[in-house]
Each structure stands twice: as C-alpha cells, then as structure tokens.
Amino acid sequence: MTQRSAGATAASRRARGAKVRVHELPVLQEEEPWTPEELAEVRAELEADEARLQGELDEVEHDLVVLMRESGEGSGDDQADAGAATWEREHELSLANNARSLLDQTHHALERIAEGEYGVCESCGRAIGKMRLQAFPRATLCMPCKQKQERR
C-alpha cells in the first residue's frame, strides 16, 4: 500500500463514517494482522501517555512562570546566583520542549489510529511493523527509513 493509497483509503473511510478496520492496518509480511485487542492496548498506552505528558507539561510550565517571576526579584544576586537561575530556567525550558514534543507525537499517533493510517511509514508508504509499533507506538517511519534518517 503506497502512502497515497493509504491516505486515500483513510479519507474515503472518514467520508463514509466507517470505523477503522484493524485487519486493514498494514503489517510486515511475517507478522499476524492487528487484533482489536492489540490496537486497543496500543491506544490505551498512548492515551495514558497523553494524560501523563499533559500533566508534566502543565507542571513544568507552572514552574517556568514561577522562575520568571522570581528572576526579577533578585536584583542584588551575585553572578553565581544569576548563573544558577539561568541554568534552572534553561533546564525547565528543555523539559517543557521535550514534553511538548512527545505530546505532539502522541497526538499524531492517536490521529493516525483514528484515520486508519497507523502503521504506514510516512516516508515510503510501506508497513512500519506491528512489533515496532507495540514497542514504540509513536513511530512514524519503518526501520529502513528510520535508519536512513539517522545516518543524515
């Protein structure tokens, strides 16, 4: 199934209002088709991650607001204190960016499940592989495409 045909299939499925048929999700040749239970397990894991990541992001963003508010109060701080505050702020920004990125990836995976595109490599249009998705549910590339991407 090509990427174009996978997208067209998903679009026509949405237009008809049909539910995702798990047996139509692509798998590698040596793999068994998805079962409803397996897909439900992956979806539940993604939804749990979504809730956890949203909580982490809310907490980090709150901490950032507190740090920004407090940074104006220490006008008499020495250089070491200012450096520590800057490091802490950068650390919180890094945590927020990481949580936001993972949350975006999680939303994307859930959308792909809903649209019937889950398991289709976004680069070549071939199957990503059920075992890969069960290990890393946010995967959007098959192993050969992921390896090419990492070599760049």
N, C-alpha and C. Protein backbone atom coordinates (compact mmCIF):
# COMPACT_ATOMS: atom_id res chain seq x y z
N MET A 1 0.86 -1.17 0.00
CA MET A 1 0.00 0.00 0.00
C MET A 1 0.89 1.22 0.00
N THR A 2 0.70 2.11 -0.94
CA THR A 2 1.51 3.32 -1.00
C THR A 2 0.98 4.34 -0.03
N GLN A 3 1.80 5.38 0.21
CA GLN A 3 1.36 6.43 1.13
C GLN A 3 0.12 7.12 0.58
N ARG A 4 0.11 7.33 -0.73
CA ARG A 4 -1.04 7.99 -1.34
C ARG A 4 -2.30 7.14 -1.19
N SER A 5 -2.19 5.83 -1.48
CA SER A 5 -3.37 4.99 -1.37
C SER A 5 -3.81 4.84 0.08
N ALA A 6 -2.84 4.84 1.03
CA ALA A 6 -3.19 4.77 2.45
C ALA A 6 -3.98 6.02 2.83
N GLY A 7 -3.53 7.19 2.36
CA GLY A 7 -4.24 8.43 2.66
C GLY A 7 -5.61 8.47 2.01
N ALA A 8 -5.69 7.99 0.76
CA ALA A 8 -6.97 7.97 0.06
C ALA A 8 -7.93 7.02 0.76
N THR A 9 -7.42 5.87 1.21
CA THR A 9 -8.26 4.91 1.91
C THR A 9 -8.80 5.53 3.19
N ALA A 10 -7.93 6.19 3.95
CA ALA A 10 -8.35 6.82 5.19
C ALA A 10 -9.37 7.92 4.93
N ALA A 11 -9.12 8.72 3.88
CA ALA A 11 -10.05 9.80 3.55
C ALA A 11 -11.41 9.24 3.16
N SER A 12 -11.42 8.19 2.36
CA SER A 12 -12.71 7.62 1.97
C SER A 12 -13.40 6.98 3.16
N ARG A 13 -12.62 6.39 4.09
CA ARG A 13 -13.20 5.79 5.29
C ARG A 13 -13.85 6.87 6.15
N ARG A 14 -13.16 8.02 6.30
CA ARG A 14 -13.74 9.12 7.08
C ARG A 14 -14.99 9.65 6.40
N ALA A 15 -14.95 9.76 5.06
CA ALA A 15 -16.10 10.28 4.32
C ALA A 15 -17.31 9.36 4.50
N ARG A 16 -17.07 8.05 4.56
CA ARG A 16 -18.16 7.10 4.75
C ARG A 16 -18.57 7.00 6.21
N GLY A 17 -17.73 7.54 7.11
CA GLY A 17 -18.03 7.47 8.53
C GLY A 17 -17.76 6.09 9.10
N ALA A 18 -16.97 5.27 8.40
CA ALA A 18 -16.70 3.92 8.84
C ALA A 18 -15.65 3.91 9.94
N LYS A 19 -15.70 2.85 10.76
CA LYS A 19 -14.70 2.67 11.80
C LYS A 19 -13.44 2.06 11.19
N VAL A 20 -12.32 2.26 11.86
CA VAL A 20 -11.07 1.68 11.42
C VAL A 20 -11.20 0.17 11.53
N ARG A 21 -10.84 -0.51 10.47
CA ARG A 21 -10.84 -1.98 10.49
C ARG A 21 -9.42 -2.42 10.78
N VAL A 22 -9.21 -2.99 11.96
CA VAL A 22 -7.86 -3.32 12.38
C VAL A 22 -7.18 -4.29 11.44
N HIS A 23 -7.94 -5.19 10.83
CA HIS A 23 -7.31 -6.15 9.92
C HIS A 23 -6.81 -5.48 8.64
N GLU A 24 -7.19 -4.24 8.39
CA GLU A 24 -6.72 -3.50 7.22
C GLU A 24 -5.45 -2.69 7.52
N LEU A 25 -5.08 -2.56 8.79
CA LEU A 25 -3.85 -1.84 9.12
C LEU A 25 -2.66 -2.65 8.61
N PRO A 26 -1.68 -1.98 8.01
CA PRO A 26 -0.56 -2.71 7.42
C PRO A 26 0.34 -3.35 8.48
N VAL A 27 0.87 -4.52 8.13
CA VAL A 27 1.85 -5.22 8.96
C VAL A 27 2.93 -5.76 8.02
N LEU A 28 4.05 -6.13 8.59
CA LEU A 28 5.10 -6.75 7.79
C LEU A 28 4.65 -8.15 7.38
N GLN A 29 5.24 -8.66 6.33
CA GLN A 29 4.83 -9.94 5.77
C GLN A 29 4.84 -11.07 6.79
N GLU A 30 5.84 -11.08 7.67
CA GLU A 30 5.97 -12.17 8.64
C GLU A 30 5.11 -11.98 9.89
N GLU A 31 4.35 -10.90 9.96
CA GLU A 31 3.54 -10.60 11.15
C GLU A 31 2.08 -10.96 10.93
N GLU A 32 1.43 -11.28 12.03
CA GLU A 32 -0.02 -11.52 12.01
C GLU A 32 -0.74 -10.17 11.95
N PRO A 33 -1.94 -10.12 11.38
CA PRO A 33 -2.69 -8.86 11.37
C PRO A 33 -2.99 -8.37 12.79
N TRP A 34 -3.23 -7.08 12.89
CA TRP A 34 -3.61 -6.49 14.17
C TRP A 34 -4.92 -7.11 14.63
N THR A 35 -5.03 -7.32 15.94
CA THR A 35 -6.32 -7.72 16.51
C THR A 35 -6.92 -6.48 17.18
N PRO A 36 -8.22 -6.46 17.35
CA PRO A 36 -8.82 -5.31 18.05
C PRO A 36 -8.22 -5.12 19.44
N GLU A 37 -7.89 -6.20 20.13
CA GLU A 37 -7.32 -6.11 21.48
C GLU A 37 -5.94 -5.47 21.45
N GLU A 38 -5.12 -5.86 20.46
CA GLU A 38 -3.77 -5.29 20.36
C GLU A 38 -3.83 -3.79 20.07
N LEU A 39 -4.69 -3.40 19.15
CA LEU A 39 -4.81 -1.98 18.84
C LEU A 39 -5.38 -1.21 20.03
N ALA A 40 -6.34 -1.80 20.74
CA ALA A 40 -6.89 -1.15 21.93
C ALA A 40 -5.81 -0.96 22.99
N GLU A 41 -4.91 -1.94 23.12
CA GLU A 41 -3.83 -1.83 24.09
C GLU A 41 -2.87 -0.70 23.73
N VAL A 42 -2.53 -0.58 22.44
CA VAL A 42 -1.65 0.49 21.99
C VAL A 42 -2.34 1.84 22.21
N ARG A 43 -3.62 1.93 21.85
CA ARG A 43 -4.36 3.18 22.03
C ARG A 43 -4.42 3.57 23.51
N ALA A 44 -4.67 2.59 24.38
CA ALA A 44 -4.73 2.87 25.82
C ALA A 44 -3.38 3.37 26.34
N GLU A 45 -2.29 2.76 25.86
CA GLU A 45 -0.95 3.21 26.26
C GLU A 45 -0.71 4.65 25.81
N LEU A 46 -1.10 4.96 24.57
CA LEU A 46 -0.93 6.33 24.05
C LEU A 46 -1.78 7.32 24.84
N GLU A 47 -3.01 6.94 25.16
CA GLU A 47 -3.89 7.83 25.92
C GLU A 47 -3.36 8.07 27.33
N ALA A 48 -2.80 7.02 27.95
CA ALA A 48 -2.18 7.18 29.28
C ALA A 48 -0.96 8.10 29.19
N ASP A 49 -0.15 7.91 28.15
CA ASP A 49 1.00 8.79 27.94
C ASP A 49 0.55 10.22 27.72
N GLU A 50 -0.54 10.39 26.97
CA GLU A 50 -1.07 11.73 26.69
C GLU A 50 -1.42 12.45 28.00
N ALA A 51 -2.12 11.75 28.88
CA ALA A 51 -2.51 12.35 30.16
C ALA A 51 -1.28 12.66 31.02
N ARG A 52 -0.33 11.71 31.08
CA ARG A 52 0.88 11.91 31.87
C ARG A 52 1.70 13.08 31.33
N LEU A 53 1.88 13.13 30.02
CA LEU A 53 2.68 14.20 29.41
C LEU A 53 2.01 15.56 29.57
N GLN A 54 0.69 15.60 29.46
CA GLN A 54 -0.01 16.87 29.65
C GLN A 54 0.18 17.35 31.08
N GLY A 55 0.13 16.44 32.05
CA GLY A 55 0.37 16.80 33.45
C GLY A 55 1.79 17.32 33.66
N GLU A 56 2.77 16.62 33.05
CA GLU A 56 4.16 17.08 33.15
C GLU A 56 4.34 18.46 32.53
N LEU A 57 3.73 18.65 31.37
CA LEU A 57 3.86 19.93 30.69
C LEU A 57 3.22 21.05 31.51
N ASP A 58 2.07 20.80 32.07
CA ASP A 58 1.41 21.80 32.91
C ASP A 58 2.29 22.16 34.11
N GLU A 59 2.89 21.14 34.73
CA GLU A 59 3.74 21.37 35.90
C GLU A 59 4.99 22.17 35.53
N VAL A 60 5.64 21.80 34.43
CA VAL A 60 6.86 22.49 34.00
C VAL A 60 6.55 23.93 33.62
N GLU A 61 5.44 24.13 32.91
CA GLU A 61 5.08 25.49 32.53
C GLU A 61 4.78 26.34 33.76
N HIS A 62 4.15 25.75 34.77
CA HIS A 62 3.91 26.47 36.02
C HIS A 62 5.23 26.84 36.69
N ASP A 63 6.17 25.86 36.73
CA ASP A 63 7.47 26.12 37.32
C ASP A 63 8.21 27.23 36.58
N LEU A 64 8.06 27.26 35.27
CA LEU A 64 8.71 28.32 34.48
C LEU A 64 8.14 29.70 34.83
N VAL A 65 6.84 29.77 34.99
CA VAL A 65 6.21 31.04 35.36
C VAL A 65 6.75 31.51 36.71
N VAL A 66 6.86 30.58 37.65
CA VAL A 66 7.39 30.91 38.97
C VAL A 66 8.84 31.39 38.86
N LEU A 67 9.65 30.68 38.07
CA LEU A 67 11.05 31.09 37.90
C LEU A 67 11.17 32.46 37.27
N MET A 68 10.36 32.73 36.28
CA MET A 68 10.40 34.04 35.61
C MET A 68 9.99 35.15 36.59
N ARG A 69 8.98 34.86 37.39
CA ARG A 69 8.52 35.85 38.36
C ARG A 69 9.61 36.13 39.39
N GLU A 70 10.27 35.05 39.85
CA GLU A 70 11.30 35.20 40.88
C GLU A 70 12.59 35.83 40.33
N SER A 71 12.84 35.70 39.05
CA SER A 71 14.09 36.22 38.49
C SER A 71 14.16 37.75 38.57
N GLY A 72 13.03 38.39 38.59
CA GLY A 72 13.03 39.84 38.70
C GLY A 72 13.23 40.33 40.12
N GLU A 73 13.03 39.45 41.09
CA GLU A 73 13.11 39.85 42.49
C GLU A 73 14.54 39.88 43.01
N GLY A 74 15.46 39.19 42.32
CA GLY A 74 16.81 39.06 42.85
C GLY A 74 17.80 40.03 42.24
N SER A 75 17.48 41.30 42.18
CA SER A 75 18.37 42.27 41.54
C SER A 75 19.70 42.40 42.26
N GLY A 76 19.77 41.97 43.51
CA GLY A 76 21.02 42.06 44.25
C GLY A 76 21.82 40.76 44.20
N ASP A 77 21.37 39.78 43.42
CA ASP A 77 22.07 38.50 43.34
C ASP A 77 23.45 38.66 42.73
N ASP A 78 24.38 37.82 43.17
CA ASP A 78 25.71 37.83 42.56
C ASP A 78 25.70 37.01 41.27
N GLN A 79 26.82 36.95 40.59
CA GLN A 79 26.89 36.27 39.31
C GLN A 79 26.59 34.78 39.42
N ALA A 80 27.02 34.15 40.50
CA ALA A 80 26.78 32.72 40.68
C ALA A 80 25.28 32.45 40.80
N ASP A 81 24.58 33.30 41.56
CA ASP A 81 23.13 33.13 41.70
C ASP A 81 22.42 33.36 40.37
N ALA A 82 22.86 34.36 39.64
CA ALA A 82 22.25 34.65 38.34
C ALA A 82 22.51 33.49 37.38
N GLY A 83 23.72 32.92 37.42
CA GLY A 83 24.04 31.78 36.57
C GLY A 83 23.20 30.56 36.92
N ALA A 84 23.03 30.32 38.20
CA ALA A 84 22.22 29.18 38.65
C ALA A 84 20.77 29.35 38.22
N ALA A 85 20.27 30.58 38.35
CA ALA A 85 18.88 30.84 37.94
C ALA A 85 18.72 30.66 36.43
N THR A 86 19.71 31.09 35.67
CA THR A 86 19.65 30.92 34.21
C THR A 86 19.69 29.45 33.85
N TRP A 87 20.57 28.68 34.51
CA TRP A 87 20.65 27.25 34.24
C TRP A 87 19.32 26.57 34.56
N GLU A 88 18.73 26.91 35.69
CA GLU A 88 17.46 26.32 36.10
C GLU A 88 16.36 26.65 35.09
N ARG A 89 16.33 27.89 34.63
CA ARG A 89 15.34 28.31 33.64
C ARG A 89 15.53 27.54 32.33
N GLU A 90 16.78 27.41 31.88
CA GLU A 90 17.07 26.67 30.65
C GLU A 90 16.69 25.20 30.80
N HIS A 91 16.94 24.64 31.96
CA HIS A 91 16.58 23.25 32.23
C HIS A 91 15.06 23.07 32.15
N GLU A 92 14.32 23.96 32.75
CA GLU A 92 12.84 23.87 32.72
C GLU A 92 12.33 24.05 31.29
N LEU A 93 12.95 24.96 30.52
CA LEU A 93 12.56 25.13 29.12
C LEU A 93 12.81 23.86 28.32
N SER A 94 13.93 23.21 28.58
CA SER A 94 14.25 21.97 27.90
C SER A 94 13.24 20.88 28.24
N LEU A 95 12.88 20.77 29.51
CA LEU A 95 11.87 19.80 29.93
C LEU A 95 10.52 20.08 29.26
N ALA A 96 10.15 21.36 29.20
CA ALA A 96 8.88 21.73 28.58
C ALA A 96 8.88 21.39 27.09
N ASN A 97 9.98 21.70 26.41
CA ASN A 97 10.06 21.40 24.98
C ASN A 97 10.00 19.91 24.71
N ASN A 98 10.67 19.12 25.54
CA ASN A 98 10.65 17.67 25.39
C ASN A 98 9.25 17.12 25.62
N ALA A 99 8.60 17.55 26.67
CA ALA A 99 7.24 17.08 26.96
C ALA A 99 6.28 17.49 25.85
N ARG A 100 6.42 18.71 25.35
CA ARG A 100 5.56 19.20 24.26
C ARG A 100 5.77 18.37 22.99
N SER A 101 7.02 18.05 22.69
CA SER A 101 7.32 17.24 21.51
C SER A 101 6.73 15.84 21.63
N LEU A 102 6.90 15.21 22.77
CA LEU A 102 6.33 13.87 22.98
C LEU A 102 4.81 13.91 22.95
N LEU A 103 4.23 14.96 23.48
CA LEU A 103 2.77 15.10 23.46
C LEU A 103 2.27 15.26 22.03
N ASP A 104 2.97 16.06 21.23
CA ASP A 104 2.61 16.21 19.81
C ASP A 104 2.70 14.87 19.08
N GLN A 105 3.77 14.11 19.34
CA GLN A 105 3.93 12.80 18.71
C GLN A 105 2.81 11.85 19.12
N THR A 106 2.41 11.93 20.38
CA THR A 106 1.34 11.07 20.89
C THR A 106 0.02 11.43 20.23
N HIS A 107 -0.27 12.73 20.11
CA HIS A 107 -1.49 13.16 19.43
C HIS A 107 -1.49 12.68 17.98
N HIS A 108 -0.34 12.79 17.33
CA HIS A 108 -0.21 12.36 15.94
C HIS A 108 -0.49 10.86 15.80
N ALA A 109 0.04 10.06 16.71
CA ALA A 109 -0.19 8.61 16.68
C ALA A 109 -1.67 8.29 16.88
N LEU A 110 -2.31 8.98 17.82
CA LEU A 110 -3.75 8.75 18.05
C LEU A 110 -4.58 9.17 16.83
N GLU A 111 -4.19 10.25 16.18
CA GLU A 111 -4.88 10.68 14.96
C GLU A 111 -4.72 9.64 13.85
N ARG A 112 -3.51 9.09 13.73
CA ARG A 112 -3.25 8.08 12.70
C ARG A 112 -4.07 6.82 12.95
N ILE A 113 -4.26 6.46 14.23
CA ILE A 113 -5.11 5.31 14.54
C ILE A 113 -6.55 5.62 14.11
N ALA A 114 -7.04 6.80 14.49
CA ALA A 114 -8.43 7.18 14.18
C ALA A 114 -8.67 7.25 12.67
N GLU A 115 -7.65 7.64 11.92
CA GLU A 115 -7.80 7.80 10.47
C GLU A 115 -7.49 6.53 9.69
N GLY A 116 -7.08 5.47 10.40
CA GLY A 116 -6.76 4.22 9.72
C GLY A 116 -5.41 4.24 9.02
N GLU A 117 -4.54 5.19 9.39
CA GLU A 117 -3.23 5.32 8.77
C GLU A 117 -2.12 4.80 9.67
N TYR A 118 -2.48 4.26 10.82
CA TYR A 118 -1.49 3.79 11.77
C TYR A 118 -0.75 2.61 11.17
N GLY A 119 0.57 2.65 11.25
CA GLY A 119 1.37 1.55 10.74
C GLY A 119 1.92 1.78 9.35
N VAL A 120 1.55 2.90 8.72
CA VAL A 120 2.05 3.24 7.39
C VAL A 120 3.23 4.20 7.54
N CYS A 121 4.38 3.84 6.97
CA CYS A 121 5.57 4.70 7.03
C CYS A 121 5.27 6.02 6.33
N GLU A 122 5.55 7.13 7.00
CA GLU A 122 5.28 8.45 6.43
C GLU A 122 6.29 8.83 5.35
N SER A 123 7.34 8.05 5.19
CA SER A 123 8.33 8.35 4.17
C SER A 123 8.11 7.52 2.90
N CYS A 124 8.01 6.20 3.05
CA CYS A 124 7.92 5.33 1.86
C CYS A 124 6.55 4.73 1.64
N GLY A 125 5.65 4.79 2.64
CA GLY A 125 4.30 4.26 2.49
C GLY A 125 4.18 2.77 2.76
N ARG A 126 5.27 2.11 3.13
CA ARG A 126 5.21 0.68 3.46
C ARG A 126 4.84 0.51 4.92
N ALA A 127 4.64 -0.74 5.33
CA ALA A 127 4.30 -1.05 6.72
C ALA A 127 5.47 -0.75 7.65
N ILE A 128 5.16 -0.16 8.79
CA ILE A 128 6.18 0.12 9.81
C ILE A 128 6.53 -1.18 10.53
N GLY A 129 5.56 -1.97 10.80
CA GLY A 129 5.75 -3.22 11.53
C GLY A 129 5.03 -3.17 12.86
N LYS A 130 4.19 -4.17 13.08
CA LYS A 130 3.39 -4.22 14.30
C LYS A 130 4.27 -4.30 15.54
N MET A 131 5.31 -5.15 15.50
CA MET A 131 6.18 -5.28 16.68
C MET A 131 6.87 -3.96 17.01
N ARG A 132 7.29 -3.23 15.99
CA ARG A 132 7.93 -1.92 16.22
C ARG A 132 6.94 -0.96 16.87
N LEU A 133 5.71 -0.96 16.39
CA LEU A 133 4.70 -0.06 16.94
C LEU A 133 4.30 -0.46 18.36
N GLN A 134 4.32 -1.75 18.64
CA GLN A 134 3.99 -2.17 20.00
C GLN A 134 5.11 -1.77 20.97
N ALA A 135 6.35 -1.75 20.48
CA ALA A 135 7.47 -1.33 21.32
C ALA A 135 7.56 0.19 21.41
N PHE A 136 7.28 0.88 20.30
CA PHE A 136 7.36 2.35 20.24
C PHE A 136 6.14 2.85 19.47
N PRO A 137 5.01 3.05 20.16
CA PRO A 137 3.74 3.39 19.50
C PRO A 137 3.73 4.71 18.73
N ARG A 138 4.72 5.58 18.96
CA ARG A 138 4.75 6.86 18.27
C ARG A 138 5.52 6.80 16.95
N ALA A 139 6.05 5.64 16.60
CA ALA A 139 6.87 5.50 15.39
C ALA A 139 6.06 5.91 14.15
N THR A 140 6.72 6.67 13.28
CA THR A 140 6.08 7.08 12.02
C THR A 140 6.88 6.61 10.81
N LEU A 141 8.03 5.99 11.07
CA LEU A 141 8.88 5.51 9.98
C LEU A 141 9.19 4.03 10.16
N CYS A 142 9.28 3.31 9.03
CA CYS A 142 9.72 1.92 9.08
C CYS A 142 11.21 1.91 9.42
N MET A 143 11.73 0.75 9.77
CA MET A 143 13.14 0.67 10.18
C MET A 143 14.11 1.14 9.09
N PRO A 144 13.95 0.72 7.82
CA PRO A 144 14.90 1.22 6.81
C PRO A 144 14.87 2.75 6.67
N CYS A 145 13.69 3.36 6.70
CA CYS A 145 13.60 4.82 6.59
C CYS A 145 14.16 5.50 7.83
N LYS A 146 13.93 4.92 9.00
CA LYS A 146 14.46 5.49 10.24
C LYS A 146 15.99 5.42 10.23
N GLN A 147 16.55 4.30 9.75
CA GLN A 147 17.99 4.18 9.69
C GLN A 147 18.59 5.19 8.71
N LYS A 148 17.92 5.41 7.58
CA LYS A 148 18.39 6.43 6.62
C LYS A 148 18.37 7.80 7.27
N GLN A 149 17.30 8.11 7.99
CA GLN A 149 17.16 9.41 8.64
C GLN A 149 18.27 9.63 9.66
N GLU A 150 18.61 8.59 10.41
CA GLU A 150 19.62 8.73 11.47
C GLU A 150 21.03 8.87 10.88
N ARG A 151 21.26 8.37 9.68
CA ARG A 151 22.57 8.50 9.05
C ARG A 151 22.83 9.90 8.55
N ARG A 152 21.79 10.67 8.33
CA ARG A 152 21.96 12.04 7.81
C ARG A 152 22.51 12.96 8.84
